[in-house]
Amino acid sequence: MANNNEIGSVLKELRNRMGYSQEQISSYLGISQPAYNHYESGDTVVSQDSLEKLAAVYGVEEYDILTCNKPQLQADMAFAFRKNGEVKNLAQIASFQKLVKNYLDMCDIERRHE
């Protein structure tokens, strides 16, 4: 598993690639913006609840965040929802991301059994 600084760097990279602000992500997580900033700076360990929510909103696996598996994170993000305009509800986006990820996983399982 990666250290807090590496995980924080990955979280910042994911957030920036998706075009979200720290305020948007911290609001979605139900924490203050300074508390979220501590995640990205590596000063605080990301809570399990926050990790699950972050993985969902970015359309990636929690394990890949924790291990800083950048190639897999990039591959997963290729299929992630892209905002066009103002973000209204990150919880809805996270739910949609989970549906897409589950669908792609099911397609992959079917291909392996053919």
C-alpha atoms as a PDB file:
ATOM      1  CA  MET A   1       0.000   0.000   0.000  1.00  0.00           C
ATOM      2  CA  ALA A   2       1.181   3.511  -0.785  1.00  0.00           C
ATOM      3  CA  ASN A   3       1.907   6.126   1.852  1.00  0.00           C
ATOM      4  CA  ASN A   4      -0.420   9.049   2.647  1.00  0.00           C
ATOM      5  CA  ASN A   5       1.530  11.501   0.474  1.00  0.00           C
ATOM      6  CA  GLU A   6       1.287   9.235  -2.581  1.00  0.00           C
ATOM      7  CA  ILE A   7      -2.424   8.603  -2.012  1.00  0.00           C
ATOM      8  CA  GLY A   8      -2.995  12.332  -1.575  1.00  0.00           C
ATOM      9  CA  SER A   9      -1.205  13.009  -4.829  1.00  0.00           C
ATOM     10  CA  VAL A  10      -3.415  10.468  -6.612  1.00  0.00           C
ATOM     11  CA  LEU A  11      -6.559  12.025  -5.123  1.00  0.00           C
ATOM     12  CA  LYS A  12      -5.484  15.461  -6.297  1.00  0.00           C
ATOM     13  CA  GLU A  13      -4.697  14.145  -9.774  1.00  0.00           C
ATOM     14  CA  LEU A  14      -8.069  12.391 -10.032  1.00  0.00           C
ATOM     15  CA  ARG A  15      -9.927  15.479  -8.850  1.00  0.00           C
ATOM     16  CA  ASN A  16      -8.101  17.730 -11.289  1.00  0.00           C
ATOM     17  CA  ARG A  17      -8.596  15.342 -14.219  1.00  0.00           C
ATOM     18  CA  MET A  18     -12.328  15.308 -13.537  1.00  0.00           C
ATOM     19  CA  GLY A  19     -12.430  19.080 -13.180  1.00  0.00           C
ATOM     20  CA  TYR A  20     -13.790  19.233  -9.628  1.00  0.00           C
ATOM     21  CA  SER A  21     -12.824  21.728  -6.961  1.00  0.00           C
ATOM     22  CA  GLN A  22     -11.843  20.790  -3.430  1.00  0.00           C
ATOM     23  CA  GLU A  23     -15.030  22.517  -2.278  1.00  0.00           C
ATOM     24  CA  GLN A  24     -17.190  20.290  -4.501  1.00  0.00           C
ATOM     25  CA  ILE A  25     -15.480  17.100  -3.351  1.00  0.00           C
ATOM     26  CA  SER A  26     -15.467  18.047   0.338  1.00  0.00           C
ATOM     27  CA  SER A  27     -19.178  18.916   0.166  1.00  0.00           C
ATOM     28  CA  TYR A  28     -19.900  15.567  -1.497  1.00  0.00           C
ATOM     29  CA  LEU A  29     -17.923  13.776   1.238  1.00  0.00           C
ATOM     30  CA  GLY A  30     -19.662  15.756   3.982  1.00  0.00           C
ATOM     31  CA  ILE A  31     -16.422  17.168   5.369  1.00  0.00           C
ATOM     32  CA  SER A  32     -14.864  20.624   5.414  1.00  0.00           C
ATOM     33  CA  GLN A  33     -12.634  21.792   2.584  1.00  0.00           C
ATOM     34  CA  PRO A  34      -9.628  22.067   4.955  1.00  0.00           C
ATOM     35  CA  ALA A  35     -10.245  18.461   6.075  1.00  0.00           C
ATOM     36  CA  TYR A  36     -10.274  17.326   2.450  1.00  0.00           C
ATOM     37  CA  ASN A  37      -7.132  19.338   1.786  1.00  0.00           C
ATOM     38  CA  HIS A  38      -5.447  17.243   4.495  1.00  0.00           C
ATOM     39  CA  TYR A  39      -6.268  14.115   2.448  1.00  0.00           C
ATOM     40  CA  GLU A  40      -4.593  15.548  -0.643  1.00  0.00           C
ATOM     41  CA  SER A  41      -1.573  16.833   1.269  1.00  0.00           C
ATOM     42  CA  GLY A  42      -1.073  13.449   2.924  1.00  0.00           C
ATOM     43  CA  ASP A  43      -1.499  14.871   6.426  1.00  0.00           C
ATOM     44  CA  THR A  44      -4.539  12.689   7.181  1.00  0.00           C
ATOM     45  CA  VAL A  45      -5.429   9.085   6.377  1.00  0.00           C
ATOM     46  CA  VAL A  46      -8.476   8.913   4.117  1.00  0.00           C
ATOM     47  CA  SER A  47     -11.421   7.405   5.988  1.00  0.00           C
ATOM     48  CA  GLN A  48     -12.974   4.219   4.598  1.00  0.00           C
ATOM     49  CA  ASP A  49     -16.262   6.019   3.960  1.00  0.00           C
ATOM     50  CA  SER A  50     -14.511   8.816   2.068  1.00  0.00           C
ATOM     51  CA  LEU A  51     -12.417   6.334   0.100  1.00  0.00           C
ATOM     52  CA  GLU A  52     -15.549   4.492  -1.039  1.00  0.00           C
ATOM     53  CA  LYS A  53     -17.218   7.737  -2.095  1.00  0.00           C
ATOM     54  CA  LEU A  54     -14.120   9.011  -3.902  1.00  0.00           C
ATOM     55  CA  ALA A  55     -13.696   5.760  -5.819  1.00  0.00           C
ATOM     56  CA  ALA A  56     -17.365   5.891  -6.804  1.00  0.00           C
ATOM     57  CA  VAL A  57     -17.340   9.476  -8.027  1.00  0.00           C
ATOM     58  CA  TYR A  58     -14.148   8.934 -10.039  1.00  0.00           C
ATOM     59  CA  GLY A  59     -15.267   5.544 -11.383  1.00  0.00           C
ATOM     60  CA  VAL A  60     -12.187   3.711 -10.092  1.00  0.00           C
ATOM     61  CA  GLU A  61     -11.419   0.947  -7.596  1.00  0.00           C
ATOM     62  CA  GLU A  62     -10.582   1.773  -3.982  1.00  0.00           C
ATOM     63  CA  TYR A  63      -7.632  -0.635  -4.120  1.00  0.00           C
ATOM     64  CA  ASP A  64      -6.145   1.213  -7.077  1.00  0.00           C
ATOM     65  CA  ILE A  65      -6.271   4.485  -5.136  1.00  0.00           C
ATOM     66  CA  LEU A  66      -4.645   2.887  -2.090  1.00  0.00           C
ATOM     67  CA  THR A  67      -1.889   1.289  -4.162  1.00  0.00           C
ATOM     68  CA  CYS A  68      -1.522   4.285  -6.492  1.00  0.00           C
ATOM     69  CA  ASN A  69      -1.952   1.997  -9.488  1.00  0.00           C
ATOM     70  CA  LYS A  70      -1.818   4.820 -12.027  1.00  0.00           C
ATOM     71  CA  PRO A  71      -2.077   2.681 -15.187  1.00  0.00           C
ATOM     72  CA  GLN A  72      -5.277   1.036 -13.907  1.00  0.00           C
ATOM     73  CA  LEU A  73      -6.657   4.350 -12.644  1.00  0.00           C
ATOM     74  CA  GLN A  74      -6.097   5.888 -16.082  1.00  0.00           C
ATOM     75  CA  ALA A  75      -7.772   2.949 -17.796  1.00  0.00           C
ATOM     76  CA  ASP A  76     -10.787   3.165 -15.479  1.00  0.00           C
ATOM     77  CA  MET A  77     -11.067   6.908 -15.937  1.00  0.00           C
ATOM     78  CA  ALA A  78     -11.239   6.450 -19.695  1.00  0.00           C
ATOM     79  CA  PHE A  79     -14.791   5.177 -19.153  1.00  0.00           C
ATOM     80  CA  ALA A  80     -15.681   7.637 -16.393  1.00  0.00           C
ATOM     81  CA  PHE A  81     -18.464  10.161 -16.702  1.00  0.00           C
ATOM     82  CA  ARG A  82     -17.234  13.528 -17.906  1.00  0.00           C
ATOM     83  CA  LYS A  83     -18.991  16.636 -16.747  1.00  0.00           C
ATOM     84  CA  ASN A  84     -19.950  19.228 -19.295  1.00  0.00           C
ATOM     85  CA  GLY A  85     -20.797  22.379 -17.472  1.00  0.00           C
ATOM     86  CA  GLU A  86     -21.689  22.901 -13.849  1.00  0.00           C
ATOM     87  CA  VAL A  87     -21.806  19.917 -11.531  1.00  0.00           C
ATOM     88  CA  LYS A  88     -25.116  19.694  -9.709  1.00  0.00           C
ATOM     89  CA  ASN A  89     -25.003  16.482  -7.698  1.00  0.00           C
ATOM     90  CA  LEU A  90     -21.869  14.413  -7.180  1.00  0.00           C
ATOM     91  CA  ALA A  91     -23.849  11.691  -5.384  1.00  0.00           C
ATOM     92  CA  GLN A  92     -25.854  11.094  -8.585  1.00  0.00           C
ATOM     93  CA  ILE A  93     -22.662  11.069 -10.636  1.00  0.00           C
ATOM     94  CA  ALA A  94     -21.140   8.526  -8.221  1.00  0.00           C
ATOM     95  CA  SER A  95     -24.205   6.283  -8.562  1.00  0.00           C
ATOM     96  CA  PHE A  96     -23.966   6.479 -12.331  1.00  0.00           C
ATOM     97  CA  GLN A  97     -20.238   5.693 -12.203  1.00  0.00           C
ATOM     98  CA  LYS A  98     -20.975   2.547 -10.173  1.00  0.00           C
ATOM     99  CA  LEU A  99     -23.543   1.402 -12.728  1.00  0.00           C
ATOM    100  CA  VAL A 100     -21.124   1.902 -15.607  1.00  0.00           C
ATOM    101  CA  LYS A 101     -18.293   0.158 -13.751  1.00  0.00           C
ATOM    102  CA  ASN A 102     -20.525  -2.820 -12.883  1.00  0.00           C
ATOM    103  CA  TYR A 103     -21.719  -3.064 -16.478  1.00  0.00           C
ATOM    104  CA  LEU A 104     -18.166  -3.032 -17.818  1.00  0.00           C
ATOM    105  CA  ASP A 105     -17.143  -5.667 -15.259  1.00  0.00           C
ATOM    106  CA  MET A 106     -20.059  -7.876 -16.368  1.00  0.00           C
ATOM    107  CA  CYS A 107     -19.069  -7.483 -20.018  1.00  0.00           C
ATOM    108  CA  ASP A 108     -15.518  -8.445 -19.159  1.00  0.00           C
ATOM    109  CA  ILE A 109     -16.697 -11.581 -17.327  1.00  0.00           C
ATOM    110  CA  GLU A 110     -18.851 -12.600 -20.299  1.00  0.00           C
ATOM    111  CA  ARG A 111     -15.913 -12.155 -22.703  1.00  0.00           C
ATOM    112  CA  ARG A 112     -13.718 -14.393 -20.556  1.00  0.00           C
ATOM    113  CA  HIS A 113     -16.313 -17.182 -20.644  1.00  0.00           C
ATOM    114  CA  GLU A 114     -16.717 -17.167 -24.413  1.00  0.00           C
END
